[in-house]
Amino acid sequence: MSNQVQPILPLAPVERIIRKAGADRVAEDAGVELAKVLEDYGIEISREAITLAKHAKRTTVKEEDIRLAVARIKKSS
């Protein structure tokens, strides 16, 4: 059994993203690695968006929370 944790994101769409960027072929481990990176970034954005929603006294995360969270994360980088 492998100790490698599989990402939540399905590999096929992640590999399509890499192909859309111009790759002719994609190794499976490349798709797995990008999926992990995307998942980590998605969790970071989600946590920031949840903070923003809570600040607005809402329990629902809205599109505007996601957009603002992305902007704030980009700005702090």
C-alpha atoms as a PDB file:
ATOM      1  CA  MET A   1       0.000   0.000   0.000  1.00  0.00           C
ATOM      2  CA  SER A   2       1.296   3.478  -0.906  1.00  0.00           C
ATOM      3  CA  ASN A   3       1.869   6.174   1.713  1.00  0.00           C
ATOM      4  CA  GLN A   4       1.062   8.791  -0.898  1.00  0.00           C
ATOM      5  CA  VAL A   5      -2.096  10.778  -0.148  1.00  0.00           C
ATOM      6  CA  GLN A   6      -4.266  11.176  -3.226  1.00  0.00           C
ATOM      7  CA  PRO A   7      -5.731  14.622  -3.856  1.00  0.00           C
ATOM      8  CA  ILE A   8      -9.460  15.306  -3.790  1.00  0.00           C
ATOM      9  CA  LEU A   9      -9.453  16.660  -7.344  1.00  0.00           C
ATOM     10  CA  PRO A  10      -9.875  14.064 -10.100  1.00  0.00           C
ATOM     11  CA  LEU A  11      -6.732  13.621 -12.196  1.00  0.00           C
ATOM     12  CA  ALA A  12      -8.376  13.779 -15.637  1.00  0.00           C
ATOM     13  CA  PRO A  13      -9.474  17.438 -15.371  1.00  0.00           C
ATOM     14  CA  VAL A  14      -6.132  18.408 -13.822  1.00  0.00           C
ATOM     15  CA  GLU A  15      -4.279  16.747 -16.683  1.00  0.00           C
ATOM     16  CA  ARG A  16      -6.545  18.600 -19.136  1.00  0.00           C
ATOM     17  CA  ILE A  17      -5.465  21.864 -17.514  1.00  0.00           C
ATOM     18  CA  ILE A  18      -1.824  20.967 -18.143  1.00  0.00           C
ATOM     19  CA  ARG A  19      -2.616  20.029 -21.758  1.00  0.00           C
ATOM     20  CA  LYS A  20      -4.568  23.260 -22.218  1.00  0.00           C
ATOM     21  CA  ALA A  21      -1.412  25.086 -21.127  1.00  0.00           C
ATOM     22  CA  GLY A  22       0.390  23.439 -24.047  1.00  0.00           C
ATOM     23  CA  ALA A  23       1.712  20.034 -22.960  1.00  0.00           C
ATOM     24  CA  ASP A  24       1.401  17.191 -25.463  1.00  0.00           C
ATOM     25  CA  ARG A  25       1.775  14.507 -22.809  1.00  0.00           C
ATOM     26  CA  VAL A  26       1.374  14.524 -19.038  1.00  0.00           C
ATOM     27  CA  ALA A  27       2.943  12.075 -16.606  1.00  0.00           C
ATOM     28  CA  GLU A  28       0.551  10.827 -13.944  1.00  0.00           C
ATOM     29  CA  ASP A  29       2.790  12.101 -11.147  1.00  0.00           C
ATOM     30  CA  ALA A  30       2.689  15.590 -12.700  1.00  0.00           C
ATOM     31  CA  GLY A  31      -1.114  15.546 -12.589  1.00  0.00           C
ATOM     32  CA  VAL A  32      -1.076  14.325  -8.988  1.00  0.00           C
ATOM     33  CA  GLU A  33       1.368  17.060  -7.968  1.00  0.00           C
ATOM     34  CA  LEU A  34      -0.617  19.833  -9.655  1.00  0.00           C
ATOM     35  CA  ALA A  35      -3.811  18.510  -8.065  1.00  0.00           C
ATOM     36  CA  LYS A  36      -2.170  18.736  -4.629  1.00  0.00           C
ATOM     37  CA  VAL A  37      -1.006  22.298  -5.290  1.00  0.00           C
ATOM     38  CA  LEU A  38      -4.449  23.343  -6.558  1.00  0.00           C
ATOM     39  CA  GLU A  39      -6.101  21.688  -3.565  1.00  0.00           C
ATOM     40  CA  ASP A  40      -3.780  23.478  -1.115  1.00  0.00           C
ATOM     41  CA  TYR A  41      -4.411  26.821  -2.833  1.00  0.00           C
ATOM     42  CA  GLY A  42      -8.160  26.157  -2.869  1.00  0.00           C
ATOM     43  CA  ILE A  43      -8.144  25.444   0.852  1.00  0.00           C
ATOM     44  CA  GLU A  44      -6.177  28.645   1.508  1.00  0.00           C
ATOM     45  CA  ILE A  45      -8.673  30.679  -0.529  1.00  0.00           C
ATOM     46  CA  SER A  46     -11.616  28.953   1.146  1.00  0.00           C
ATOM     47  CA  ARG A  47     -10.315  29.674   4.642  1.00  0.00           C
ATOM     48  CA  GLU A  48      -9.861  33.346   3.796  1.00  0.00           C
ATOM     49  CA  ALA A  49     -13.340  33.462   2.220  1.00  0.00           C
ATOM     50  CA  ILE A  50     -14.872  31.883   5.333  1.00  0.00           C
ATOM     51  CA  THR A  51     -13.180  34.535   7.458  1.00  0.00           C
ATOM     52  CA  LEU A  52     -14.637  37.242   5.225  1.00  0.00           C
ATOM     53  CA  ALA A  53     -18.122  35.724   5.373  1.00  0.00           C
ATOM     54  CA  LYS A  54     -17.942  35.491   9.174  1.00  0.00           C
ATOM     55  CA  HIS A  55     -16.807  39.115   9.353  1.00  0.00           C
ATOM     56  CA  ALA A  56     -19.924  40.023   7.351  1.00  0.00           C
ATOM     57  CA  LYS A  57     -21.954  37.991   9.887  1.00  0.00           C
ATOM     58  CA  ARG A  58     -22.881  35.358   7.315  1.00  0.00           C
ATOM     59  CA  THR A  59     -22.549  31.587   7.384  1.00  0.00           C
ATOM     60  CA  THR A  60     -22.782  31.338   3.601  1.00  0.00           C
ATOM     61  CA  VAL A  61     -19.634  31.879   1.544  1.00  0.00           C
ATOM     62  CA  LYS A  62     -20.505  33.914  -1.527  1.00  0.00           C
ATOM     63  CA  GLU A  63     -18.782  34.526  -4.843  1.00  0.00           C
ATOM     64  CA  GLU A  64     -17.702  37.952  -3.606  1.00  0.00           C
ATOM     65  CA  ASP A  65     -15.946  36.311  -0.625  1.00  0.00           C
ATOM     66  CA  ILE A  66     -13.985  34.046  -2.958  1.00  0.00           C
ATOM     67  CA  ARG A  67     -13.026  36.924  -5.254  1.00  0.00           C
ATOM     68  CA  LEU A  68     -11.946  39.113  -2.350  1.00  0.00           C
ATOM     69  CA  ALA A  69     -10.051  36.231  -0.745  1.00  0.00           C
ATOM     70  CA  VAL A  70      -8.090  35.638  -3.968  1.00  0.00           C
ATOM     71  CA  ALA A  71      -7.278  39.349  -4.210  1.00  0.00           C
ATOM     72  CA  ARG A  72      -6.132  39.481  -0.583  1.00  0.00           C
ATOM     73  CA  ILE A  73      -3.959  36.380  -0.945  1.00  0.00           C
ATOM     74  CA  LYS A  74      -2.384  37.699  -4.151  1.00  0.00           C
ATOM     75  CA  LYS A  75      -1.715  41.053  -2.475  1.00  0.00           C
ATOM     76  CA  SER A  76      -0.013  39.439   0.527  1.00  0.00           C
ATOM     77  CA  SER A  77       2.246  37.296  -1.670  1.00  0.00           C
END
